[in-house]
Protein backbone atom coordinates (compact mmCIF):
# COMPACT_ATOMS: atom_id res chain seq x y z
CA UNK A 1 214.53 27.29 144.16
CA UNK A 2 213.86 23.95 145.84
CA UNK A 3 215.78 22.15 143.10
CA UNK A 4 218.78 24.39 143.60
CA UNK A 5 218.69 23.82 147.35
CA UNK A 6 218.45 20.09 146.75
CA UNK A 7 221.37 20.25 144.32
CA UNK A 8 223.58 22.03 146.86
CA UNK A 9 222.39 19.63 149.56
CA UNK A 10 223.39 16.48 147.69
CA UNK A 11 226.64 18.15 146.61
CA UNK A 12 227.43 18.83 150.25
CA UNK A 13 226.78 15.16 151.05
CA UNK A 14 229.32 14.11 148.45
CA UNK A 15 226.87 12.59 145.99
CA UNK A 16 228.38 12.64 142.52
CA UNK A 17 226.60 14.48 139.73
CA UNK A 18 226.29 13.13 136.17
CA UNK A 19 225.44 15.53 133.36
CA UNK A 20 223.99 13.90 130.28
CA UNK A 21 224.52 16.72 127.82
CA UNK A 22 226.06 17.27 124.40
CA UNK A 23 229.59 17.01 125.82
CA UNK A 24 228.75 13.59 127.29
CA UNK A 25 227.16 12.52 124.02
CA UNK A 26 230.30 13.45 122.09
CA UNK A 27 232.59 11.71 124.57
CA UNK A 28 234.28 8.45 123.73
CA UNK A 29 233.64 6.61 127.01
CA UNK A 30 230.52 5.89 129.06
CA UNK A 31 230.32 6.83 132.72
CA UNK A 32 230.97 3.84 135.02
CA UNK A 33 228.97 3.69 138.23
CA UNK A 34 231.10 2.76 141.23
CA UNK A 35 229.38 4.33 144.23
CA UNK A 36 225.80 3.67 145.27
CA UNK A 37 224.15 7.09 144.76
CA UNK A 38 224.35 9.60 141.90
CA UNK A 39 222.45 12.73 140.95
CA UNK A 40 221.69 12.89 137.22
CA UNK A 41 220.74 15.87 135.08
CA UNK A 42 219.68 14.54 131.68
CA UNK A 43 219.31 17.06 128.87
CA UNK A 44 219.90 14.79 125.87
CA UNK A 45 217.54 12.07 124.72
CA UNK A 46 219.73 9.06 125.49
CA UNK A 47 221.56 8.76 128.80
CA UNK A 48 223.64 5.56 129.01
CA UNK A 49 226.01 4.43 131.77
CA UNK A 50 227.22 1.06 133.08
CA UNK A 51 228.41 -0.81 136.13
CA UNK A 52 230.41 -4.01 136.53
CA UNK A 53 229.77 -6.73 139.12
CA UNK A 54 232.38 -8.56 141.17
CA UNK A 55 232.57 -12.07 142.53
CA UNK A 56 231.06 -10.95 145.83
CA UNK A 57 227.95 -9.71 144.00
CA UNK A 58 226.95 -12.95 142.26
CA UNK A 59 225.00 -14.28 145.26
CA UNK A 60 223.11 -11.02 145.80
CA UNK A 61 220.08 -9.32 144.32
CA UNK A 62 220.97 -6.04 142.65
CA UNK A 63 218.30 -3.32 142.69
CA UNK A 64 218.67 -0.18 140.56
CA UNK A 65 216.27 2.64 141.50
CA UNK A 66 215.40 5.94 139.84
CA UNK A 67 213.86 8.66 142.03
CA UNK A 68 212.71 11.58 139.86
CA UNK A 69 212.80 15.14 141.10
CA UNK A 70 211.59 16.69 137.83
CA UNK A 71 209.18 16.20 136.21
CA UNK A 72 206.71 15.04 138.84
CA UNK A 73 204.73 11.84 139.28
CA UNK A 74 202.47 11.06 136.33
CA UNK A 75 204.48 13.25 133.97
CA UNK A 76 207.63 11.16 133.60
CA UNK A 77 207.92 9.95 130.01
CA UNK A 78 211.14 7.93 130.11
CA UNK A 79 212.10 4.32 129.32
CA UNK A 80 214.33 2.79 132.01
CA UNK A 81 216.13 -0.32 130.66
CA UNK A 82 219.19 -2.43 131.48
CA UNK A 83 221.11 -4.70 129.09
CA UNK A 84 223.63 -7.35 130.07
CA UNK A 85 227.12 -7.27 128.48
CA UNK A 86 225.95 -5.22 125.48
CA UNK A 87 224.47 -1.86 124.70
CA UNK A 88 220.69 -1.92 124.20
CA UNK A 89 219.47 -1.52 120.62
CA UNK A 90 216.92 1.12 119.68
CA UNK A 91 214.26 0.08 117.16
CA UNK A 92 212.60 2.80 115.07
CA UNK A 93 213.47 5.37 117.77
CA UNK A 94 210.52 4.02 119.79
CA UNK A 95 211.26 0.67 121.42
CA UNK A 96 214.40 -0.59 123.15
CA UNK A 97 215.57 -4.18 122.98
CA UNK A 98 217.07 -4.87 126.41
CA UNK A 99 217.41 -7.53 129.11
CA UNK A 100 215.39 -5.75 131.83
CA UNK A 101 212.84 -2.91 131.79
CA UNK A 102 210.49 -1.25 134.27
CA UNK A 103 207.20 -1.62 132.38
CA UNK A 104 205.08 -0.61 135.35
CA UNK A 105 206.95 2.66 135.84
CA UNK A 106 206.89 3.49 132.12
CA UNK A 107 203.17 2.74 131.62
CA UNK A 108 202.14 4.81 134.67
CA UNK A 109 204.80 7.53 134.13
CA UNK A 110 205.83 7.18 137.74
CA UNK A 111 208.37 9.34 139.55
CA UNK A 112 209.77 6.14 141.05
CA UNK A 113 211.07 3.30 138.87
CA UNK A 114 213.17 0.26 139.67
CA UNK A 115 214.68 -2.91 138.21
CA UNK A 116 215.79 -5.96 140.19
CA UNK A 117 218.48 -8.25 138.74
CA UNK A 118 218.04 -11.74 140.29
CA UNK A 119 220.89 -13.35 142.22
CA UNK A 120 222.97 -16.06 140.49
CA UNK A 121 221.86 -14.76 137.05
CA UNK A 122 225.27 -13.26 136.26
CA UNK A 123 228.97 -13.92 136.67
CA UNK A 124 231.87 -11.93 137.99
CA UNK A 125 232.98 -9.33 135.45
CA UNK A 126 229.60 -9.01 133.72
CA UNK A 127 228.70 -5.47 132.76
CA UNK A 128 225.20 -4.00 132.90
CA UNK A 129 224.38 -1.00 130.69
CA UNK A 130 221.71 1.36 131.97
CA UNK A 131 219.87 3.35 129.30
CA UNK A 132 217.36 6.06 130.15
CA UNK A 133 215.61 7.18 126.97
CA UNK A 134 213.36 10.20 127.42
CA UNK A 135 210.49 10.75 125.00
CA UNK A 136 210.34 14.54 125.33
CA UNK A 137 213.28 16.25 123.66
CA UNK A 138 212.84 19.68 125.27
CA UNK A 139 212.27 18.39 128.83
CA UNK A 140 215.20 18.24 131.26
CA UNK A 141 215.07 15.30 133.68
CA UNK A 142 216.57 15.31 137.17
CA UNK A 143 216.72 12.12 139.16
CA UNK A 144 218.75 10.12 141.65
CA UNK A 145 220.08 6.73 140.63
CA UNK A 146 220.76 4.28 143.42
CA UNK A 147 222.27 0.78 143.35
CA UNK A 148 221.44 -1.58 146.21
CA UNK A 149 222.64 -5.13 146.86
CA UNK A 150 220.78 -7.47 149.21
CA UNK A 151 220.63 -11.13 150.17
CA UNK A 152 216.82 -11.31 149.79
CA UNK A 153 214.49 -10.17 147.01
CA UNK A 154 213.88 -6.43 147.44
CA UNK A 155 210.48 -4.83 146.93
CA UNK A 156 209.90 -1.75 144.77
CA UNK A 157 210.23 1.45 146.79
CA UNK A 158 210.06 -0.62 149.98
CA UNK A 159 206.27 -0.71 149.36
CA UNK A 160 206.23 3.12 149.64
CA UNK A 161 205.73 3.12 153.40
CA UNK A 162 204.92 0.77 156.27
CA UNK A 163 201.37 2.12 156.39
CA UNK A 164 200.69 1.17 152.77
CA UNK A 165 202.09 -2.36 152.80
CA UNK A 166 204.98 -4.61 153.70
CA UNK A 167 207.54 -6.51 151.64
CA UNK A 168 207.09 -10.26 151.36
CA UNK A 169 209.75 -12.03 149.24
CA UNK A 170 209.90 -9.24 146.67
CA UNK A 171 206.11 -8.70 146.52
CA UNK A 172 204.37 -5.86 148.29
CA UNK A 173 201.46 -6.97 150.48
CA UNK A 174 199.37 -3.83 150.08
CA UNK A 175 196.84 -2.66 152.64
CA UNK A 176 193.12 -2.86 151.68
CA UNK A 177 193.03 0.70 150.33
CA UNK A 178 196.25 0.38 148.27
CA UNK A 179 197.17 -1.17 144.88
CA UNK A 180 200.03 -1.17 142.36
CA UNK A 181 203.47 -2.79 142.53
CA UNK A 182 204.67 -0.53 145.34
CA UNK A 183 201.26 0.14 146.96
CA UNK A 184 201.52 3.73 145.77
CA UNK A 185 197.98 4.02 144.35
CA UNK A 186 194.96 4.65 146.50
CA UNK A 187 192.03 2.38 145.63
CA UNK A 188 188.39 1.95 146.65
CA UNK A 189 187.22 -1.59 147.50
CA UNK A 190 184.07 -2.98 145.86
CA UNK A 191 182.09 -5.40 148.01
CA UNK A 192 179.47 -8.00 147.11
CA UNK A 193 175.87 -6.77 147.47
CA UNK A 194 176.98 -3.33 148.64
CA UNK A 195 175.89 -0.84 146.02
CA UNK A 196 177.94 2.35 145.80
CA UNK A 197 176.23 5.44 144.39
CA UNK A 198 177.44 8.88 143.34
CA UNK A 199 181.14 8.00 143.36
CA UNK A 200 182.95 11.03 141.95
CA UNK A 201 185.85 10.30 139.60
CA UNK A 202 188.24 12.99 138.38
CA UNK A 203 191.12 12.05 136.14
CA UNK A 204 192.13 8.47 137.06
CA UNK A 205 190.67 6.53 139.98
CA UNK A 206 191.34 2.92 141.03
CA UNK A 207 188.96 0.30 142.39
CA UNK A 208 189.39 -3.35 143.28
CA UNK A 209 187.39 -6.42 144.20
CA UNK A 210 188.80 -8.99 146.61
CA UNK A 211 186.74 -12.09 147.33
CA UNK A 212 186.54 -13.64 150.79
CA UNK A 213 185.80 -17.15 149.57
CA UNK A 214 186.52 -18.73 146.21
CA UNK A 215 183.91 -17.71 143.61
CA UNK A 216 183.39 -18.75 140.04
CA UNK A 217 181.73 -15.64 138.61
CA UNK A 218 180.48 -12.25 139.69
CA UNK A 219 178.01 -9.83 138.13
CA UNK A 220 179.38 -6.29 137.89
CA UNK A 221 176.97 -3.42 137.23
CA UNK A 222 178.67 -0.08 136.54
CA UNK A 223 177.13 3.04 135.10
CA UNK A 224 177.22 6.81 134.88
CA UNK A 225 174.87 8.48 137.34
CA UNK A 226 175.86 12.03 136.48
CA UNK A 227 178.21 13.44 133.90
CA UNK A 228 179.41 16.97 134.44
CA UNK A 229 181.81 17.87 131.64
CA UNK A 230 183.37 14.78 130.11
CA UNK A 231 182.29 13.20 126.84
CA UNK A 232 180.90 9.66 127.05
CA UNK A 233 183.30 8.27 124.46
CA UNK A 234 186.28 9.63 126.43
CA UNK A 235 185.46 7.65 129.57
CA UNK A 236 187.32 4.33 129.72
CA UNK A 237 187.12 1.44 132.18
CA UNK A 238 190.00 -1.06 132.28
CA UNK A 239 190.04 -4.43 134.09
CA UNK A 240 193.05 -6.50 135.09
CA UNK A 241 193.65 -9.55 137.26
CA UNK A 242 196.40 -8.73 139.76
CA UNK A 243 199.66 -10.18 138.38
CA UNK A 244 202.45 -8.27 140.21
CA UNK A 245 204.06 -7.35 136.91
CA UNK A 246 202.14 -4.39 135.52
CA UNK A 247 200.57 -3.14 138.76
CA UNK A 248 197.25 -1.65 137.61
CA UNK A 249 195.42 -1.79 134.27
CA UNK A 250 196.32 0.84 131.69
CA UNK A 251 195.54 1.46 128.00
CA UNK A 252 198.76 -0.46 127.25
CA UNK A 253 197.89 -3.54 129.29
CA UNK A 254 194.51 -4.82 130.51
CA UNK A 255 192.43 -7.98 130.40
CA UNK A 256 189.28 -6.16 129.30
CA UNK A 257 188.11 -2.59 128.65
CA UNK A 258 185.04 -0.69 127.51
CA UNK A 259 183.69 2.83 127.12
CA UNK A 260 180.26 4.45 127.32
CA UNK A 261 177.95 6.21 124.86
CA UNK A 262 174.80 8.36 125.17
CA UNK A 263 172.71 5.28 124.34
CA UNK A 264 174.63 2.99 126.67
CA UNK A 265 175.34 4.61 130.03
CA UNK A 266 175.40 1.32 131.94
CA UNK A 267 177.29 -1.95 131.64
CA UNK A 268 176.48 -5.34 133.15
CA UNK A 269 179.29 -7.87 132.97
CA UNK A 270 179.58 -11.44 134.19
CA UNK A 271 183.26 -11.84 135.07
CA UNK A 272 185.00 -15.16 135.62
CA UNK A 273 186.98 -14.77 138.86
CA UNK A 274 187.88 -18.43 139.29
CA UNK A 275 191.47 -17.53 138.40
CA UNK A 276 191.75 -15.18 141.39
CA UNK A 277 193.16 -17.81 143.70
CA UNK A 278 194.26 -17.45 147.28
CA UNK A 279 197.80 -16.08 147.55
CA UNK A 280 199.61 -17.87 150.41
CA UNK A 281 202.46 -15.33 150.47
CA UNK A 282 200.07 -12.43 150.97
CA UNK A 283 197.49 -14.34 153.04
CA UNK A 284 194.67 -13.12 150.79
CA UNK A 285 193.04 -13.69 147.42
CA UNK A 286 194.49 -11.92 144.39
CA UNK A 287 192.41 -8.95 143.28
CA UNK A 288 190.38 -7.80 140.30
CA UNK A 289 191.64 -4.23 139.71
CA UNK A 290 189.73 -1.50 137.84
CA UNK A 291 191.11 1.74 136.42
CA UNK A 292 188.57 4.41 135.43
CA UNK A 293 189.83 7.23 133.24
CA UNK A 294 187.72 10.40 132.99
CA UNK A 295 188.92 13.55 131.19
CA UNK A 296 187.13 15.83 133.67
CA UNK A 297 184.67 14.84 136.38
CA UNK A 298 181.96 12.18 136.42
CA UNK A 299 179.83 10.31 138.96
CA UNK A 300 179.43 6.51 138.85
CA UNK A 301 177.55 3.77 140.63
CA UNK A 302 178.88 0.25 141.23
CA UNK A 303 177.25 -2.97 142.32
CA UNK A 304 178.71 -6.48 142.55
CA UNK A 305 176.52 -9.53 143.06
CA UNK A 306 176.50 -13.27 142.56
CA UNK A 307 174.89 -14.09 139.19
CA UNK A 308 171.43 -15.62 139.57
CA UNK A 309 170.31 -18.77 137.84
CA UNK A 310 168.38 -16.58 135.38
CA UNK A 311 171.61 -14.85 134.49
CA UNK A 312 173.25 -18.20 133.95
CA UNK A 313 170.27 -19.32 131.87
CA UNK A 314 170.51 -16.14 129.82
CA UNK A 315 174.21 -16.74 129.40
CA UNK A 316 173.51 -20.30 128.29
CA UNK A 317 170.85 -19.05 125.90
CA UNK A 318 173.28 -16.53 124.48
CA UNK A 319 175.79 -19.33 124.07
CA UNK A 320 173.17 -21.51 122.36
CA UNK A 321 172.17 -18.63 120.06
CA UNK A 322 175.79 -18.06 119.24
CA UNK A 323 176.39 -21.73 118.45
CA UNK A 324 173.23 -21.95 116.33
CA UNK A 325 174.20 -18.79 114.44
CA UNK A 326 177.67 -20.19 113.93
CA UNK A 327 176.19 -23.46 112.63
CA UNK A 328 173.92 -21.56 110.21
CA UNK A 329 176.87 -19.54 108.95
CA UNK A 330 178.92 -22.72 108.48
CA UNK A 331 176.05 -24.43 106.60
CA UNK A 332 175.55 -21.41 104.33
CA UNK A 333 179.28 -21.26 103.74
CA UNK A 334 179.30 -24.96 102.85
CA UNK A 335 176.37 -24.48 100.44
CA UNK A 336 178.05 -21.50 98.76
CA UNK A 337 181.35 -23.37 98.46
CA UNK A 338 179.53 -26.41 97.04
CA UNK A 339 177.73 -24.26 94.45
CA UNK A 340 180.97 -22.57 93.47
CA UNK A 341 182.68 -25.94 93.09
CA UNK A 342 179.70 -27.29 91.10
CA UNK A 343 179.84 -24.33 88.72
CA UNK A 344 183.59 -24.68 88.40
CA UNK A 345 183.24 -28.41 87.68
CA UNK A 346 180.56 -27.75 85.03
CA UNK A 347 182.71 -25.06 83.45
CA UNK A 348 185.66 -27.44 83.34
CA UNK A 349 183.50 -30.20 81.84
CA UNK A 350 182.13 -27.79 79.24
CA UNK A 351 185.64 -26.71 78.37
CA UNK A 352 186.69 -30.35 78.05
CA UNK A 353 183.70 -31.11 75.79
CA UNK A 354 184.38 -28.00 73.71
CA UNK A 355 188.05 -28.91 73.37
CA UNK A 356 187.04 -32.46 72.41
CA UNK A 357 184.66 -31.13 69.77
CA UNK A 358 187.38 -28.85 68.45
CA UNK A 359 189.75 -31.77 68.39
CA UNK A 360 187.19 -33.94 66.56
CA UNK A 361 186.61 -31.19 64.03
CA UNK A 362 190.33 -30.82 63.51
CA UNK A 363 190.63 -34.59 63.09
CA UNK A 364 187.77 -34.64 60.60
CA UNK A 365 189.33 -31.72 58.82
CA UNK A 366 192.63 -33.57 58.71
CA UNK A 367 190.87 -36.59 57.24
CA UNK A 368 189.35 -34.53 54.39
CA UNK A 369 191.24 -34.73 51.14
CA UNK A 370 190.06 -31.37 49.78
CA UNK A 371 190.25 -30.81 46.01
CA UNK A 372 193.20 -30.95 43.66
CA UNK A 373 194.68 -28.15 41.54
CA UNK A 374 193.26 -29.84 38.44
CA UNK A 375 189.77 -29.85 39.94
CA UNK A 376 190.18 -26.22 40.98
CA UNK A 377 191.20 -25.29 37.41
CA UNK A 378 188.29 -27.31 36.03
CA UNK A 379 185.55 -25.87 38.19
CA UNK A 380 186.95 -22.36 38.83
CA UNK A 381 189.10 -21.34 35.89
CA UNK A 382 191.64 -18.55 36.07
CA UNK A 383 190.71 -15.21 34.57
CA UNK A 384 192.03 -11.67 34.60
CA UNK A 385 190.24 -9.20 36.82
CA UNK A 386 189.69 -6.90 33.84
CA UNK A 387 187.85 -9.77 32.06
CA UNK A 388 185.56 -10.63 34.94
CA UNK A 389 182.62 -9.03 33.12
CA UNK A 390 182.90 -11.87 30.58
CA UNK A 391 182.56 -14.54 33.28
CA UNK A 392 179.38 -16.52 32.74
CA UNK A 393 178.41 -16.56 36.42
CA UNK A 394 178.89 -12.80 36.82
CA UNK A 395 177.00 -12.15 33.59
CA UNK A 396 174.09 -14.31 34.73
CA UNK A 397 173.88 -12.37 38.00
CA UNK A 398 174.20 -9.09 36.07
CA UNK A 399 176.91 -7.96 38.47
CA UNK A 400 179.42 -5.20 37.96
CA UNK A 401 182.89 -6.74 38.26
CA UNK A 402 184.24 -3.46 39.65
CA UNK A 403 182.49 -4.15 42.95
CA UNK A 404 185.15 -6.77 43.59
CA UNK A 405 187.79 -4.33 44.79
CA UNK A 406 190.00 -6.50 47.04
CA UNK A 407 190.58 -10.15 47.85
CA UNK A 408 188.98 -11.03 51.21
CA UNK A 409 191.71 -13.60 51.90
CA UNK A 410 194.81 -11.41 51.62
CA UNK A 411 192.94 -8.06 51.74
CA UNK A 412 195.01 -6.74 48.81
CA UNK A 413 193.24 -4.67 46.17
CA UNK A 414 192.99 -6.03 42.62
CA UNK A 415 194.61 -4.43 39.63
CA UNK A 416 193.47 -5.00 36.05
CA UNK A 417 196.02 -7.76 35.46
CA UNK A 418 195.35 -9.66 38.70
CA UNK A 419 194.68 -13.35 38.12
CA UNK A 420 191.44 -14.30 39.81
CA UNK A 421 189.02 -17.17 40.25
CA UNK A 422 185.25 -16.99 40.62
CA UNK A 423 183.54 -19.46 42.95
CA UNK A 424 180.16 -21.03 42.15
CA UNK A 425 178.69 -18.74 44.81
CA UNK A 426 180.03 -15.82 42.74
CA UNK A 427 182.79 -14.54 45.04
CA UNK A 428 186.12 -13.41 43.58
CA UNK A 429 189.56 -14.20 45.03
CA UNK A 430 193.16 -14.16 43.89
CA UNK A 431 193.94 -17.43 42.16
CA UNK A 432 196.83 -18.22 44.53
CA UNK A 433 194.83 -17.24 47.62
CA UNK A 434 191.93 -19.52 46.73
CA UNK A 435 194.34 -22.34 45.80
CA UNK A 436 196.12 -22.01 49.15
CA UNK A 437 192.79 -21.98 50.97
CA UNK A 438 191.25 -25.00 49.22
CA UNK A 439 194.16 -27.15 48.06
CA UNK A 440 196.92 -26.56 50.59
CA UNK A 441 194.81 -25.94 53.73
CA UNK A 442 192.13 -28.35 52.50
CA UNK A 443 189.19 -26.09 53.37
CA UNK A 444 185.99 -27.14 51.63
CA UNK A 445 184.02 -23.92 52.01
CA UNK A 446 184.05 -20.47 50.44
CA UNK A 447 186.30 -18.07 52.41
CA UNK A 448 183.59 -15.43 52.16
CA UNK A 449 180.20 -17.05 52.69
CA UNK A 450 181.19 -20.58 53.88
CA UNK A 451 179.27 -22.18 51.01
CA UNK A 452 180.20 -25.87 50.60
CA UNK A 453 182.86 -26.23 47.86
CA UNK A 454 183.84 -29.86 48.21
CA UNK A 455 184.07 -32.19 45.23
CA UNK A 456 180.41 -33.26 45.43
CA UNK A 457 179.17 -29.64 45.66
CA UNK A 458 181.36 -28.54 42.75
CA UNK A 459 180.12 -31.40 40.59
CA UNK A 460 176.57 -30.45 41.52
CA UNK A 461 177.24 -26.83 40.55
CA UNK A 462 178.79 -27.99 37.25
CA UNK A 463 175.80 -30.24 36.52
CA UNK A 464 173.41 -27.38 37.19
CA UNK A 465 175.37 -25.14 34.83
CA UNK A 466 175.28 -27.82 32.11
CA UNK A 467 171.54 -28.18 32.51
CA UNK A 468 171.14 -24.41 32.36
CA UNK A 469 173.29 -24.29 29.18
CA UNK A 470 171.22 -27.13 27.62
CA UNK A 471 168.02 -25.30 28.41
CA UNK A 472 169.39 -22.09 26.96
CA UNK A 473 170.66 -23.86 23.80
CA UNK A 474 167.34 -25.68 23.35
CA UNK A 475 165.45 -22.42 23.65
CA UNK A 476 167.74 -20.79 21.10
CA UNK A 477 167.24 -23.66 18.60
CA UNK A 478 163.49 -23.44 18.92
CA UNK A 479 163.67 -19.74 18.20
CA UNK A 480 165.88 -20.37 15.18
CA UNK A 481 163.56 -23.11 13.82
CA UNK A 482 160.57 -20.90 14.29
CA UNK A 483 162.19 -18.02 12.47
CA UNK A 484 163.82 -20.13 9.68
CA UNK A 485 160.75 -20.53 7.12
CA UNK A 486 160.03 -16.85 7.14
CA UNK A 487 163.59 -16.10 6.36
CA UNK A 488 163.62 -18.70 3.48
CA UNK A 489 160.39 -17.34 1.99
CA UNK A 490 161.79 -13.86 2.05
CA UNK A 491 164.90 -15.02 0.20
CA UNK A 492 162.81 -16.81 -2.52
CA UNK A 493 160.62 -13.79 -3.01
CA UNK A 494 163.63 -11.57 -3.30
CA UNK A 495 165.10 -13.90 -5.98
CA UNK A 496 161.87 -13.95 -8.03
CA UNK A 497 161.54 -10.20 -7.85
CA UNK A 498 165.04 -9.74 -9.14
CA UNK A 499 164.45 -12.10 -12.01
CA UNK A 500 161.26 -10.36 -13.17
CA UNK A 501 162.88 -6.99 -12.97
CA UNK A 502 165.72 -8.14 -15.12
């Protein structure tokens, strides 16, 4: 009902209404802002409009403000951006690449947002495209858009009210109980050596520390004195040094943050505040701002003090421990790297030695002359596989020639007419295979058992066979000589017997 009354009220005042709906989205032209105030009803996700500056505007500051009627403060989820002379580009449907943006208003979901375009930063005829991208598709937004032009730097929302702060060259000088860019947030001051107990926090509460004289460090003790509903891990504390850009610390921007746990309900922090210098424009020191986020309700205590010498000693000891630990880690890392390099170097040297040995063996092998075909025929004569049982070496070993089924060089089975050779170590191969192995490739070992088959070894084998044959022949002659008289006597007796019988 109030919204309808407001709509009729602004209509009666002559304020133009802009409807960002499907018809606007399908239109060919963007709405150009000419007057200072407009009432906007945005149903679609992307509401874009533009305005053009004239020569009389170039020396002025241009402030564009959005005052939201629905949804309320803290529930606005909309990106307010302005691009110069080009439409802003949307990246991944999440972020907008633009010239200006109200980061403070977006992070805090504020019902008031504003952008200031500095004087002398544009020329006559430049166009500025305003894009309001809402993040909730089903939510309808209603807001006023206002364009102001001034000779001095304007402050956001005129610092909300005169009781909250005053504008000083574009920066709001907030009163002691106020923080944020437009002094819109109520905050509780934290004082040195003034402990605060049982401070109830519901939702989001803001605190700040403002020093009276320049300090180097402070010791902040903060803890949970009583937790009613909220979980420990859902309680967050954010710190930020006042910078007049983001306003107050949030999950999106902060200098430091922490949470609690059942085992750690207190935190003691030494904070360097030397960067919080005196601000001559505001006639005060810049502040250390705290945002505490609690899902339900919780009670805290706070205490700020000057760190004692013991604290500094402890800090120095912690620093020393850290440096010593770092040195130990570096030394261990150096030792491990050295060992790895040593092992790698040894492996490389071993590979080089192995390759050298292989090369030497190949060179020695290349220097060997091997045996000739004539020597091969002399020492290992050709024979048919079916006649292997007549081979002297196989007969001496009492071996069955049928056990030699296939040549171990070519792995082809023998047939009865295969031409073979028998080595002194009594292994059988195809004649051509053994000739290729020993004559052409100049190997001097048996392909099967690696027995030496060079010229000296073959001659030694041949000499041993000759000696064996001599011994066998000598034994046979002795047996013949021994048996010869008996045989002669038997012949003579047979002759005499035949004569007498006749």
